[in-house]
Protein backbone atom coordinates (compact mmCIF):
# COMPACT_ATOMS: atom_id res chain seq x y z
CA MET A 1 25.52 -116.04 22.78
CA GLY A 2 29.22 -116.75 22.44
CA PHE A 3 31.12 -118.93 24.86
CA PHE A 4 33.41 -116.13 26.07
CA LYS A 5 30.55 -113.66 26.53
CA GLU A 6 28.61 -116.22 28.54
CA PHE A 7 31.72 -117.03 30.59
CA LYS A 8 32.32 -113.32 31.26
CA GLU A 9 28.72 -112.89 32.49
CA PHE A 10 29.15 -115.94 34.73
CA VAL A 11 32.39 -114.64 36.23
CA MET A 12 31.06 -111.12 36.74
CA ARG A 13 28.06 -112.28 38.77
CA GLY A 14 28.31 -111.26 42.40
CA ASN A 15 28.07 -114.83 43.68
CA VAL A 16 31.17 -116.02 41.83
CA ILE A 17 33.25 -113.03 42.91
CA ASP A 18 32.08 -113.39 46.51
CA MET A 19 32.95 -117.08 46.40
CA ALA A 20 36.42 -116.34 45.02
CA VAL A 21 37.05 -113.79 47.78
CA GLY A 22 35.87 -116.35 50.33
CA VAL A 23 38.27 -118.98 48.98
CA VAL A 24 41.23 -116.57 49.13
CA ILE A 25 40.37 -115.43 52.66
CA GLY A 26 39.73 -119.03 53.71
CA GLY A 27 43.16 -120.08 52.42
CA ALA A 28 44.84 -117.28 54.35
CA PHE A 29 42.82 -118.13 57.46
CA GLY A 30 43.88 -121.78 57.08
CA LYS A 31 47.52 -120.70 57.12
CA ILE A 32 46.93 -118.65 60.26
CA VAL A 33 45.29 -121.60 62.01
CA THR A 34 48.07 -123.94 60.88
CA SER A 35 50.64 -121.58 62.38
CA LEU A 36 48.58 -121.27 65.57
CA VAL A 37 48.42 -125.04 65.97
CA ASN A 38 52.04 -125.75 64.95
CA ASP A 39 53.71 -122.85 66.72
CA VAL A 40 51.50 -122.06 69.73
CA VAL A 41 49.26 -124.99 70.70
CA MET A 42 51.37 -128.06 69.92
CA PRO A 43 54.72 -127.11 71.57
CA PRO A 44 53.21 -127.04 75.09
CA ILE A 45 51.40 -130.32 74.38
CA GLY A 46 54.68 -131.83 73.14
CA LEU A 47 56.44 -130.57 76.26
CA ALA A 48 53.74 -132.15 78.42
CA ILE A 49 54.22 -135.56 76.77
CA GLY A 50 57.96 -135.59 77.29
CA GLY A 51 59.52 -132.90 75.12
CA VAL A 52 58.72 -134.59 71.83
CA ALA A 53 57.85 -132.55 68.75
CA PHE A 54 54.25 -133.59 68.23
CA SER A 55 54.57 -133.76 64.45
CA GLU A 56 57.33 -136.35 64.86
CA LEU A 57 55.14 -138.84 66.72
CA LYS A 58 54.90 -141.95 64.57
CA ALA A 59 54.72 -145.71 64.67
CA THR A 60 57.25 -147.55 62.55
CA LEU A 61 55.58 -150.30 60.55
CA LYS A 62 58.76 -151.37 58.71
CA PRO A 63 62.20 -150.04 59.64
CA ALA A 64 64.49 -148.38 57.14
CA ILE A 65 66.96 -150.58 55.29
CA LEU A 66 70.53 -149.32 55.56
CA ALA A 67 73.46 -149.96 53.25
CA GLU A 68 76.46 -152.01 54.42
CA ASP A 69 78.15 -148.87 55.77
CA GLY A 70 75.28 -148.58 58.30
CA GLU A 71 74.55 -144.92 57.54
CA THR A 72 73.19 -144.69 53.98
CA VAL A 73 69.47 -145.39 53.72
CA VAL A 74 68.63 -147.77 50.89
CA LYS A 75 64.88 -147.91 51.62
CA GLU A 76 62.99 -145.43 53.76
CA ALA A 77 61.10 -146.67 56.81
CA VAL A 78 57.35 -147.16 56.51
CA THR A 79 55.75 -145.14 59.29
CA LEU A 80 52.31 -144.26 60.56
CA ASN A 81 52.54 -140.51 61.29
CA TYR A 82 49.76 -140.18 63.85
CA GLY A 83 51.25 -136.98 65.31
CA ASN A 84 50.66 -135.13 62.03
CA PHE A 85 47.16 -136.61 61.82
CA ILE A 86 46.23 -135.44 65.33
CA GLN A 87 47.70 -132.01 64.55
CA THR A 88 45.60 -131.77 61.36
CA ILE A 89 42.46 -132.78 63.28
CA LEU A 90 43.17 -130.01 65.79
CA GLU A 91 43.55 -127.50 62.93
CA PHE A 92 40.22 -128.66 61.50
CA LEU A 93 38.46 -128.31 64.86
CA ILE A 94 39.76 -124.76 65.32
CA ILE A 95 38.64 -123.76 61.81
CA ALA A 96 35.24 -125.43 62.31
CA LEU A 97 34.80 -123.61 65.64
CA CYS A 98 35.63 -120.26 64.04
CA ILE A 99 33.22 -120.84 61.15
CA PHE A 100 30.53 -121.95 63.61
CA LEU A 101 30.98 -118.77 65.66
CA VAL A 102 30.80 -116.54 62.57
CA ILE A 103 27.68 -118.26 61.20
CA ARG A 104 26.06 -118.23 64.64
CA THR A 105 26.65 -114.48 64.91
CA ILE A 106 25.30 -113.87 61.40
CA ASN A 107 22.18 -115.93 62.19
CA LYS A 108 21.57 -113.96 65.41
CA ILE A 109 21.87 -110.67 63.51
CA ARG A 110 19.56 -111.96 60.77
CA LYS A 111 16.99 -113.07 63.36
CA LYS A 112 17.02 -109.64 65.04
CA ILE A 113 16.55 -107.93 61.66
CA GLU A 114 13.64 -110.26 60.78
CA GLU A 115 12.01 -109.69 64.20
CA LYS A 116 12.37 -105.92 63.80
CA LYS A 117 10.88 -106.11 60.30
CA ALA A 118 7.97 -108.23 61.55
CA ALA A 119 7.33 -105.80 64.41
CA GLU A 120 7.37 -102.85 61.98
CA GLU A 121 4.95 -104.65 59.63
CA ALA A 122 2.64 -105.50 62.56
CA ALA A 123 2.71 -101.88 63.75
CA LYS A 124 1.99 -100.67 60.21
CA ALA A 125 -0.91 -103.11 59.85
CA ALA A 126 -2.32 -102.04 63.23
CA ALA A 127 -2.05 -98.36 62.24
CA GLU A 128 -3.80 -99.04 58.93
CA ALA A 129 -6.56 -100.98 60.71
CA ALA A 130 -7.03 -98.14 63.23
CA ALA A 131 -7.14 -95.58 60.41
CA ALA A 132 -9.72 -97.65 58.53
CA GLU A 133 -11.81 -98.02 61.69
CA ALA A 134 -11.65 -94.28 62.37
CA ALA A 135 -12.65 -93.52 58.78
CA ALA A 136 -15.59 -95.90 59.08
CA GLU A 137 -16.75 -94.18 62.27
CA GLU A 138 -16.50 -90.70 60.71
CA ALA A 139 -18.37 -91.59 57.53
CA PRO A 140 -22.05 -90.70 57.70
CA ALA A 141 -24.41 -93.61 57.89
CA ALA A 142 -26.00 -94.53 54.58
CA PRO A 143 -29.59 -93.28 54.41
CA THR A 144 -32.34 -95.85 54.57
CA GLU A 145 -34.72 -96.48 51.71
CA ALA A 146 -37.54 -94.64 53.48
CA GLU A 147 -35.34 -91.58 54.01
CA LEU A 148 -34.36 -91.54 50.34
CA LEU A 149 -37.98 -91.80 49.21
CA ALA A 150 -38.98 -88.98 51.59
CA GLU A 151 -36.20 -86.78 50.21
CA ILE A 152 -37.29 -87.46 46.62
CA ARG A 153 -40.92 -86.63 47.54
CA ASP A 154 -39.87 -83.37 49.18
CA LEU A 155 -37.80 -82.40 46.14
CA LEU A 156 -40.72 -83.14 43.80
CA LYS A 157 -43.13 -81.06 45.94
CA LYS A 158 -40.66 -78.22 45.98
CA GLU A 159 -40.36 -78.38 42.20
CA LYS A 160 -44.14 -78.36 41.71
CA GLY A 161 -44.47 -75.37 44.02
CA GLU A 162 -41.87 -73.43 42.04
CA ALA A 163 -43.37 -74.29 38.69
């Protein structure tokens, strides 16, 4: 089998296409959550901590070096941007919560389907057992050995009498 044919079969499998769709939707969902955190959640938090833009919270480890004119930056400051980090953690928590809720819902639906299937199978098995029991009750009892021998004797007598 050629490389390209094998690759085409791999790509056309349902799993790969489903995964690709999931990645695209996940990327779009990530952008929505980022906007939610940046534009809706963080501004009130920033206002509560003194009107600071949350993403601008940082600790300066080494200040910027300015040129002799005092305005031109020769070397940028080295900063620890903990505001961005906290914002990213919040985005992650929102995405994780959403994924948890979706998976939880899917698992509940799956469990209900499995319980329904098990109940149907149990009902079917009970119906089959009842039908088998009813059939066993309706079937005539097997004749005993003595009854069979008596029937054979009677048939032989009848044959001798006709002959």
